[in-house]
């Protein structure tokens, strides 16, 4: 009788206790999940799961060695050389060749204020080319502002970065030789953040408007006058001022309903919109650029919001704004100098440098080269468009060094996210927001239109 009672006690008390202990142990170790997964999987996949679980357990072991698996070695990049030897050797602005006679800035300055900002993050060769092209197209150097957005703080100003570093910028040459201005961002900014920084500079300086250029462009005055052109020749800068003067007239952009004047937002010049005239007050009124859309879609977003609020967007021709991904071999070609053979006082043959003729062979050769460079950048559906961002691979051990390939990869991934965020904001993929029936108050309030098109909603 007593033995039978003991057996019942074991069954009633011990088995439930063991079950509870095993259950708690399973929950603590995660064995139950592995067993369930293992039973649910087909037999041919169970060995893979076992291998994964074993690897996971080995990695969690404090005694297991850590051995990262490295990517293949990178291909070394050819060192770049400076593309303006004359400026490299110059010690002051006086050492530079004169600006072509037909493009020299007016003296005194035009009545209109003409600030030109050029943002820079990578590729000194392209920046130097862009700056020199605007100067030789007639833009007063004192009106040009390079916005240094390298995130290297004062390293460039102190000359601590080398030419092979993607974020290198020659402070001495820009300010002392080209006589342009430099404004540095407090840290590395995305594209939309940089545009808001520029807007802040404009508001601080009292600019009602400003010209804004990409750094991967070449500005070239249209030197070949059209037959019957009664206005005579004008440099690219003069054409910009002429268009600016017309744009800021009270009757240029008037709201037909309210009669409000000055309702223009952006004037774009060039096929790639590499140069734009921006109405600072209009941008301020719509809240500036959306800094949550870091890259792709940011320009579309701000232009659509301007148009939704009734601001006029327009294009105009002022000369050549060539969208390029490379630099000419020698930027000195922009200054339009050429050598000729002549006789000195003693009758000896000598080479003398003289100014080229307007619309002469030098101009035609340069323009043809820029057209080819622009076509090369747009080839293969634009696959080579951003190749210029990857020509420098140095800078290791220099202040604020970033791995060049890693930096580019991060930009690409952020760009992908930027497109998705733009689509989420408006419920629409791509631009053409107004054509999709969207208005300014629809941001973040509409369902995906692509779901409806696919019959998913």
Protein backbone atom coordinates (compact mmCIF):
# COMPACT_ATOMS: atom_id res chain seq x y z
CA UNK A 1 0.00 0.00 0.00
CA UNK A 2 2.78 2.38 0.96
CA UNK A 3 4.80 1.53 -2.17
CA UNK A 4 1.83 2.19 -4.37
CA UNK A 5 1.33 5.59 -2.71
CA UNK A 6 5.00 6.50 -3.34
CA UNK A 7 4.68 5.67 -7.04
CA UNK A 8 1.64 7.92 -7.31
CA UNK A 9 3.53 10.71 -5.58
CA UNK A 10 6.36 10.44 -8.09
CA UNK A 11 3.94 10.64 -10.99
CA UNK A 12 1.96 13.55 -9.56
CA UNK A 13 4.85 15.67 -8.26
CA UNK A 14 8.12 14.73 -9.97
CA UNK A 15 7.00 14.58 -13.62
CA UNK A 16 5.32 18.02 -13.62
CA UNK A 17 8.37 19.45 -11.87
CA UNK A 18 10.70 18.02 -14.52
CA UNK A 19 8.42 19.30 -17.27
CA UNK A 20 8.51 22.82 -15.82
CA UNK A 21 12.32 22.72 -15.50
CA UNK A 22 12.77 21.52 -19.11
CA UNK A 23 10.35 24.15 -20.39
CA UNK A 24 12.20 26.94 -18.63
CA UNK A 25 15.54 25.61 -19.90
CA UNK A 26 14.17 25.47 -23.46
CA UNK A 27 12.89 29.03 -23.32
CA UNK A 28 16.20 30.26 -21.92
CA UNK A 29 18.39 28.56 -24.54
CA UNK A 30 16.11 28.83 -27.59
CA UNK A 31 16.28 25.07 -28.22
CA UNK A 32 12.50 24.95 -28.74
CA UNK A 33 12.74 27.30 -31.75
CA UNK A 34 15.44 25.19 -33.38
CA UNK A 35 13.43 21.99 -32.86
CA UNK A 36 10.25 23.52 -34.29
CA UNK A 37 12.11 24.96 -37.27
CA UNK A 38 13.89 21.68 -37.80
CA UNK A 39 10.66 19.68 -37.83
CA UNK A 40 8.92 22.16 -40.13
CA UNK A 41 11.70 22.15 -42.75
CA UNK A 42 12.00 19.56 -45.50
CA UNK A 43 14.70 16.95 -44.80
CA UNK A 44 17.05 18.37 -47.47
CA UNK A 45 17.17 21.76 -45.70
CA UNK A 46 17.64 20.57 -42.12
CA UNK A 47 21.40 20.14 -42.49
CA UNK A 48 21.73 23.80 -43.59
CA UNK A 49 19.86 24.93 -40.50
CA UNK A 50 22.08 22.78 -38.31
CA UNK A 51 25.15 24.35 -39.92
CA UNK A 52 23.79 27.86 -39.37
CA UNK A 53 22.97 27.15 -35.73
CA UNK A 54 26.41 25.66 -35.16
CA UNK A 55 28.06 28.73 -36.71
CA UNK A 56 25.88 31.00 -34.57
CA UNK A 57 26.86 29.09 -31.43
CA UNK A 58 30.54 29.23 -32.37
CA UNK A 59 30.37 32.98 -32.94
CA UNK A 60 28.77 33.46 -29.54
CA UNK A 61 31.55 31.55 -27.86
CA UNK A 62 33.95 33.91 -26.06
CA UNK A 63 36.86 31.66 -26.96
CA UNK A 64 36.21 31.54 -30.72
CA UNK A 65 38.72 33.57 -32.81
CA UNK A 66 37.49 36.50 -34.93
CA UNK A 67 38.62 36.41 -38.58
CA UNK A 68 36.89 39.04 -40.81
CA UNK A 69 36.60 38.09 -44.46
CA UNK A 70 38.00 40.92 -46.58
CA UNK A 71 36.81 42.03 -49.97
CA UNK A 72 39.17 41.73 -52.95
CA UNK A 73 42.03 44.21 -53.08
CA UNK A 74 41.09 47.45 -54.79
CA UNK A 75 42.53 48.55 -58.07
CA UNK A 76 45.01 51.36 -57.56
CA UNK A 77 44.01 54.62 -59.22
CA UNK A 78 46.37 56.55 -61.44
CA UNK A 79 47.55 59.66 -59.57
CA UNK A 80 45.95 62.81 -60.92
CA UNK A 81 47.93 65.88 -61.95
CA UNK A 82 46.87 69.49 -61.67
CA UNK A 83 45.04 70.66 -64.78
CA UNK A 84 46.16 74.30 -64.63
CA UNK A 85 49.99 74.49 -64.49
CA UNK A 86 50.00 78.25 -65.01
CA UNK A 87 47.80 78.88 -61.97
CA UNK A 88 49.85 76.37 -60.01
CA UNK A 89 52.99 78.42 -60.66
CA UNK A 90 51.32 81.81 -60.11
CA UNK A 91 51.92 83.77 -56.93
CA UNK A 92 49.16 86.37 -57.37
CA UNK A 93 46.23 87.34 -59.57
CA UNK A 94 48.60 89.47 -61.63
CA UNK A 95 50.43 86.34 -62.80
CA UNK A 96 47.31 85.04 -64.53
CA UNK A 97 46.60 85.62 -68.22
CA UNK A 98 44.07 88.36 -68.94
CA UNK A 99 40.44 87.49 -69.43
CA UNK A 100 39.50 87.55 -73.14
CA UNK A 101 38.86 91.14 -74.14
CA UNK A 102 35.30 90.48 -75.33
CA UNK A 103 34.35 88.80 -72.02
CA UNK A 104 35.85 91.18 -69.48
CA UNK A 105 33.50 92.20 -66.66
CA UNK A 106 32.08 95.71 -66.88
CA UNK A 107 33.70 98.44 -64.83
CA UNK A 108 32.00 99.72 -62.80
CA UNK A 109 29.91 96.71 -61.78
CA UNK A 110 26.39 96.36 -63.09
CA UNK A 111 23.68 97.82 -60.87
CA UNK A 112 22.31 94.32 -60.20
CA UNK A 113 23.85 92.18 -57.48
CA UNK A 114 25.09 88.93 -59.05
CA UNK A 115 26.30 86.42 -56.41
CA UNK A 116 27.22 83.03 -57.89
CA UNK A 117 27.58 80.05 -55.51
CA UNK A 118 29.31 76.80 -56.46
CA UNK A 119 29.06 73.87 -54.06
CA UNK A 120 32.05 71.55 -53.68
CA UNK A 121 32.62 68.19 -52.01
CA UNK A 122 34.93 66.14 -54.27
CA UNK A 123 37.18 66.50 -57.34
CA UNK A 124 39.37 69.62 -57.30
CA UNK A 125 40.07 69.43 -61.05
CA UNK A 126 36.41 69.90 -61.94
CA UNK A 127 35.92 72.69 -59.40
CA UNK A 128 38.96 74.59 -60.66
CA UNK A 129 37.71 74.21 -64.23
CA UNK A 130 34.23 75.49 -63.34
CA UNK A 131 35.58 78.52 -61.47
CA UNK A 132 37.99 79.43 -64.28
CA UNK A 133 35.24 79.01 -66.88
CA UNK A 134 32.90 81.46 -65.15
CA UNK A 135 35.71 83.99 -64.71
CA UNK A 136 36.69 83.78 -68.38
CA UNK A 137 33.00 84.01 -69.35
CA UNK A 138 32.92 87.45 -67.72
CA UNK A 139 31.72 86.76 -64.16
CA UNK A 140 33.38 89.12 -61.66
CA UNK A 141 35.56 86.96 -59.42
CA UNK A 142 34.51 88.89 -56.31
CA UNK A 143 30.92 87.73 -56.92
CA UNK A 144 31.83 84.02 -56.93
CA UNK A 145 31.41 82.01 -53.71
CA UNK A 146 32.74 78.45 -53.44
CA UNK A 147 30.85 76.57 -50.73
CA UNK A 148 33.31 74.04 -49.31
CA UNK A 149 31.26 71.05 -48.19
CA UNK A 150 34.05 68.52 -47.59
CA UNK A 151 33.50 67.83 -43.91
CA UNK A 152 37.23 68.25 -43.30
CA UNK A 153 36.75 71.41 -41.21
CA UNK A 154 39.84 73.66 -41.53
CA UNK A 155 42.17 71.01 -43.00
CA UNK A 156 42.05 72.50 -46.51
CA UNK A 157 42.49 76.05 -45.28
CA UNK A 158 45.62 74.91 -43.42
CA UNK A 159 46.92 72.99 -46.45
CA UNK A 160 46.83 69.60 -44.75
CA UNK A 161 45.20 67.61 -47.58
CA UNK A 162 46.96 66.35 -50.71
CA UNK A 163 45.88 66.49 -54.35
CA UNK A 164 45.11 62.75 -54.36
CA UNK A 165 42.58 63.21 -51.56
CA UNK A 166 39.03 63.45 -53.04
CA UNK A 167 38.19 66.27 -50.62
CA UNK A 168 41.25 68.38 -51.45
CA UNK A 169 40.72 72.05 -52.26
CA UNK A 170 43.42 74.68 -52.84
CA UNK A 171 42.48 77.63 -50.63
CA UNK A 172 45.45 79.74 -51.68
CA UNK A 173 44.69 79.41 -55.36
CA UNK A 174 40.99 80.12 -55.08
CA UNK A 175 41.35 83.18 -52.88
CA UNK A 176 44.79 84.48 -53.87
CA UNK A 177 45.03 83.59 -57.58
CA UNK A 178 41.39 83.47 -58.74
CA UNK A 179 40.29 86.05 -56.12
CA UNK A 180 37.03 84.25 -55.32
CA UNK A 181 35.37 83.75 -51.94
CA UNK A 182 35.17 80.54 -49.89
CA UNK A 183 32.52 79.71 -47.30
CA UNK A 184 32.84 76.41 -45.43
CA UNK A 185 29.95 74.36 -44.08
CA UNK A 186 30.23 73.40 -40.39
CA UNK A 187 30.28 69.71 -41.30
CA UNK A 188 29.57 67.43 -44.27
CA UNK A 189 26.04 68.07 -45.55
CA UNK A 190 23.79 66.15 -47.91
CA UNK A 191 22.66 67.83 -51.14
CA UNK A 192 19.41 69.19 -49.71
CA UNK A 193 21.11 70.30 -46.50
CA UNK A 194 23.74 72.10 -48.58
CA UNK A 195 21.02 73.94 -50.52
CA UNK A 196 19.44 75.06 -47.26
CA UNK A 197 22.86 76.20 -46.06
CA UNK A 198 23.19 78.31 -49.24
CA UNK A 199 19.71 79.73 -48.63
CA UNK A 200 20.83 80.66 -45.12
CA UNK A 201 23.90 82.43 -46.52
CA UNK A 202 21.67 84.35 -48.93
CA UNK A 203 19.31 85.47 -46.18
CA UNK A 204 22.21 86.47 -43.92
CA UNK A 205 23.81 88.53 -46.69
CA UNK A 206 20.54 90.10 -47.78
CA UNK A 207 20.47 88.48 -51.23
CA UNK A 208 16.94 88.49 -52.65
CA UNK A 209 18.19 86.10 -55.33
CA UNK A 210 21.38 84.28 -56.27
CA UNK A 211 22.88 82.21 -59.06
CA UNK A 212 23.72 78.62 -58.16
CA UNK A 213 25.99 76.39 -60.26
CA UNK A 214 27.00 72.77 -60.20
CA UNK A 215 30.77 72.24 -60.03
CA UNK A 216 30.80 69.68 -62.86
CA UNK A 217 30.03 72.21 -65.59
CA UNK A 218 31.96 74.49 -67.95
CA UNK A 219 30.51 77.91 -68.72
CA UNK A 220 31.31 79.23 -72.20
CA UNK A 221 30.02 82.41 -73.81
CA UNK A 222 28.26 81.97 -77.15
CA UNK A 223 30.74 83.77 -79.38
CA UNK A 224 29.16 82.98 -82.73
CA UNK A 225 26.50 85.65 -83.18
CA UNK A 226 23.34 84.75 -85.03
CA UNK A 227 22.84 86.51 -88.37
CA UNK A 228 20.84 89.68 -87.89
CA UNK A 229 21.44 89.84 -84.14
CA UNK A 230 20.72 93.50 -83.44
CA UNK A 231 21.75 93.40 -79.80
CA UNK A 232 25.39 92.74 -80.54
CA UNK A 233 27.70 90.35 -78.77
CA UNK A 234 27.22 89.68 -75.05
CA UNK A 235 29.26 87.47 -72.76
CA UNK A 236 27.59 84.71 -70.77
CA UNK A 237 27.71 86.94 -67.70
CA UNK A 238 26.12 89.86 -69.52
CA UNK A 239 23.35 87.59 -70.80
CA UNK A 240 22.75 86.36 -67.22
CA UNK A 241 22.47 89.94 -65.97
CA UNK A 242 20.15 90.80 -68.85
CA UNK A 243 17.88 87.87 -68.01
CA UNK A 244 18.06 88.68 -64.29
CA UNK A 245 17.02 92.26 -64.96
CA UNK A 246 13.99 91.06 -66.93
CA UNK A 247 13.09 88.46 -64.29
CA UNK A 248 12.99 90.87 -61.34
CA UNK A 249 10.77 93.36 -63.14
CA UNK A 250 7.42 93.82 -61.35
CA UNK A 251 5.41 92.61 -64.34
CA UNK A 252 7.47 89.47 -65.05
CA UNK A 253 5.56 87.02 -62.84
CA UNK A 254 2.22 88.24 -61.45
CA UNK A 255 -0.36 86.05 -59.73
CA UNK A 256 -3.48 86.43 -61.91
CA UNK A 257 -5.81 85.93 -58.94
CA UNK A 258 -4.18 88.07 -56.25
CA UNK A 259 -2.11 90.44 -58.39
CA UNK A 260 0.96 89.65 -56.29
CA UNK A 261 4.22 90.47 -58.07
CA UNK A 262 7.57 88.67 -58.02
CA UNK A 263 5.96 85.22 -58.26
CA UNK A 264 8.93 83.49 -59.84
CA UNK A 265 10.88 80.67 -58.24
CA UNK A 266 13.72 79.37 -60.40
CA UNK A 267 15.21 80.22 -63.80
CA UNK A 268 17.28 77.37 -65.26
CA UNK A 269 20.09 77.74 -67.80
CA UNK A 270 21.56 74.86 -69.79
CA UNK A 271 20.15 71.45 -70.68
CA UNK A 272 21.30 69.86 -67.42
CA UNK A 273 20.19 72.83 -65.31
CA UNK A 274 23.80 73.24 -64.26
CA UNK A 275 23.21 76.94 -63.58
CA UNK A 276 20.05 78.33 -62.00
CA UNK A 277 18.82 81.69 -60.74
CA UNK A 278 16.98 81.23 -57.44
CA UNK A 279 14.47 83.49 -55.72
CA UNK A 280 15.54 83.33 -52.06
CA UNK A 281 12.27 84.80 -50.79
CA UNK A 282 10.21 82.20 -52.65
CA UNK A 283 12.30 79.37 -51.18
CA UNK A 284 11.92 80.86 -47.73
CA UNK A 285 8.15 81.03 -48.14
CA UNK A 286 7.77 77.32 -48.98
CA UNK A 287 10.04 76.27 -46.12
CA UNK A 288 13.24 75.73 -48.07
CA UNK A 289 14.49 72.37 -49.26
CA UNK A 290 13.23 69.22 -47.59
CA UNK A 291 16.36 68.09 -45.74
CA UNK A 292 14.78 64.68 -45.09
CA UNK A 293 15.13 63.95 -48.82
CA UNK A 294 18.94 63.95 -48.90
CA UNK A 295 19.78 63.48 -52.60
CA UNK A 296 17.63 61.98 -55.37
CA UNK A 297 14.26 63.67 -55.64
CA UNK A 298 15.24 66.74 -53.61
CA UNK A 299 15.33 69.11 -56.58
CA UNK A 300 12.06 67.73 -57.96
CA UNK A 301 10.44 68.15 -54.55
CA UNK A 302 11.41 71.82 -54.18
CA UNK A 303 10.51 72.74 -57.76
CA UNK A 304 7.11 71.05 -57.53
CA UNK A 305 6.34 72.75 -54.22
CA UNK A 306 7.27 76.12 -55.71
CA UNK A 307 4.97 75.52 -58.66
CA UNK A 308 2.17 74.27 -56.38
CA UNK A 309 2.34 77.58 -54.53
CA UNK A 310 2.02 79.50 -57.78
CA UNK A 311 5.67 80.36 -58.41
CA UNK A 312 6.80 80.46 -62.02
CA UNK A 313 9.54 78.07 -63.20
CA UNK A 314 11.24 78.93 -66.48
CA UNK A 315 14.25 78.21 -68.70
CA UNK A 316 16.41 80.68 -70.59
CA UNK A 317 19.48 80.64 -72.84
CA UNK A 318 22.54 82.60 -71.75
CA UNK A 319 25.32 80.64 -73.45
CA UNK A 320 26.93 77.24 -73.09
CA UNK A 321 26.59 75.46 -69.73
CA UNK A 322 28.25 72.15 -70.53
CA UNK A 323 27.60 69.23 -68.18
CA UNK A 324 30.95 67.40 -68.09
CA UNK A 325 32.58 64.61 -66.11
CA UNK A 326 36.19 65.37 -67.00
CA UNK A 327 38.45 68.35 -67.41
CA UNK A 328 40.22 69.71 -70.43
CA UNK A 329 43.90 68.86 -70.40
CA UNK A 330 44.90 72.44 -69.67
CA UNK A 331 42.40 74.94 -68.27
CA UNK A 332 44.53 77.69 -69.78
CA UNK A 333 42.59 77.06 -73.00
CA UNK A 334 39.67 78.94 -71.44
CA UNK A 335 41.75 82.12 -71.46
CA UNK A 336 41.99 81.90 -75.25
CA UNK A 337 45.67 82.59 -75.75
CA UNK A 338 47.69 81.27 -78.68
CA UNK A 339 51.28 81.44 -79.90
CA UNK A 340 52.28 82.95 -83.22
CA UNK A 341 55.61 83.17 -85.00
CA UNK A 342 56.98 86.63 -85.65
CA UNK A 343 60.26 88.47 -86.09
CA UNK A 344 62.05 90.35 -83.36
CA UNK A 345 63.95 93.62 -83.88
CA UNK A 346 66.95 91.72 -85.13
CA UNK A 347 64.92 89.73 -87.63
CA UNK A 348 65.05 86.49 -85.67
CA UNK A 349 61.99 84.23 -85.57
CA UNK A 350 60.34 84.16 -82.14
CA UNK A 351 57.14 82.74 -80.62
CA UNK A 352 54.83 85.34 -79.13
CA UNK A 353 51.65 84.73 -77.12
CA UNK A 354 48.67 86.74 -78.29
CA UNK A 355 44.94 86.78 -77.65
CA UNK A 356 42.83 84.55 -79.87
CA UNK A 357 40.07 85.92 -82.03
CA UNK A 358 36.47 85.82 -80.81
CA UNK A 359 34.68 82.85 -82.39
CA UNK A 360 37.99 81.84 -83.93
CA UNK A 361 39.56 78.41 -84.28
CA UNK A 362 40.43 78.26 -80.59
CA UNK A 363 36.79 78.78 -79.64
CA UNK A 364 35.52 76.19 -82.12
CA UNK A 365 38.05 73.63 -80.95
CA UNK A 366 37.17 74.21 -77.28
CA UNK A 367 33.43 74.09 -77.88
CA UNK A 368 33.73 70.87 -79.87
CA UNK A 369 35.77 69.29 -77.09
CA UNK A 370 33.18 70.27 -74.47
CA UNK A 371 30.37 68.83 -76.58
CA UNK A 372 32.23 65.52 -76.78
CA UNK A 373 32.88 65.53 -73.04
CA UNK A 374 29.21 66.19 -72.37
CA UNK A 375 28.14 63.38 -74.68
CA UNK A 376 30.59 60.98 -72.99
CA UNK A 377 29.09 61.80 -69.59
CA UNK A 378 25.58 61.05 -70.83
CA UNK A 379 26.52 57.86 -72.71
CA UNK A 380 25.05 54.43 -71.88
CA UNK A 381 21.93 55.92 -70.38
CA UNK A 382 23.92 58.06 -67.96
CA UNK A 383 25.85 55.18 -66.39
CA UNK A 384 29.07 57.20 -66.59
CA UNK A 385 27.47 60.36 -65.24
CA UNK A 386 29.10 60.22 -61.82
CA UNK A 387 32.40 58.60 -62.73
CA UNK A 388 34.15 61.88 -61.90
CA UNK A 389 33.51 61.24 -58.22
CA UNK A 390 35.90 58.28 -58.20
CA UNK A 391 39.14 59.53 -59.74
CA UNK A 392 40.99 60.18 -56.46
CA UNK A 393 41.82 57.39 -54.05
CA UNK A 394 44.41 58.91 -51.72
CA UNK A 395 44.42 60.81 -48.48
CA UNK A 396 45.06 58.02 -46.00
CA UNK A 397 46.58 59.30 -42.74
CA UNK A 398 45.42 62.83 -43.54
CA UNK A 399 42.96 64.69 -41.26
CA UNK A 400 39.35 63.47 -41.39
CA UNK A 401 40.22 60.70 -43.85
CA UNK A 402 37.34 58.73 -45.34
CA UNK A 403 37.69 55.60 -47.42
CA UNK A 404 36.88 56.90 -50.96
CA UNK A 405 35.10 53.75 -52.12
CA UNK A 406 33.20 53.46 -48.88
CA UNK A 407 32.14 57.09 -49.07
CA UNK A 408 30.80 56.62 -52.60
CA UNK A 409 28.98 53.44 -51.58
CA UNK A 410 27.36 55.30 -48.70
CA UNK A 411 26.20 58.05 -51.09
CA UNK A 412 24.71 55.46 -53.45
CA UNK A 413 22.81 53.73 -50.63
CA UNK A 414 21.59 57.06 -49.28
CA UNK A 415 20.48 57.96 -52.81
CA UNK A 416 18.38 54.80 -52.99
CA UNK A 417 16.80 55.65 -49.66
CA UNK A 418 16.20 59.22 -50.86
CA UNK A 419 14.14 57.98 -53.83
CA UNK A 420 12.04 55.78 -51.56
CA UNK A 421 11.47 58.62 -49.12
CA UNK A 422 10.40 60.96 -51.94
CA UNK A 423 7.89 58.34 -53.11
CA UNK A 424 6.55 57.86 -49.58
CA UNK A 425 6.15 61.60 -49.06
CA UNK A 426 3.99 62.06 -52.14
CA UNK A 427 2.60 58.56 -52.71
CA UNK A 428 4.04 58.74 -56.21
CA UNK A 429 7.18 57.36 -57.85
CA UNK A 430 9.27 59.89 -59.77
CA UNK A 431 8.55 63.54 -60.48
CA UNK A 432 5.48 64.97 -62.22
CA UNK A 433 3.62 65.46 -58.93
CA UNK A 434 1.18 68.04 -60.28
CA UNK A 435 0.42 65.84 -63.28
CA UNK A 436 -0.48 63.11 -60.77
CA UNK A 437 -3.10 65.44 -59.28
CA UNK A 438 -1.11 66.29 -56.15
CA UNK A 439 -1.14 69.63 -54.35
CA UNK A 440 1.08 71.20 -51.68
CA UNK A 441 -1.09 69.96 -48.81
CA UNK A 442 -0.94 66.33 -49.98
CA UNK A 443 2.56 65.61 -48.66
CA UNK A 444 2.54 62.53 -46.40
CA UNK A 445 -1.26 62.28 -46.72
CA UNK A 446 -1.91 60.08 -49.77
CA UNK A 447 -1.74 56.36 -50.39
CA UNK A 448 0.66 54.86 -52.95
CA UNK A 449 -0.71 55.47 -56.44
CA UNK A 450 1.38 52.55 -57.70
CA UNK A 451 -0.65 50.20 -55.48
CA UNK A 452 -3.81 51.28 -57.27
CA UNK A 453 -2.17 50.89 -60.65
CA UNK A 454 -1.15 47.33 -59.76
CA UNK A 455 -4.59 46.54 -58.34
CA UNK A 456 -3.24 46.19 -54.80
CA UNK A 457 -5.38 48.83 -53.18
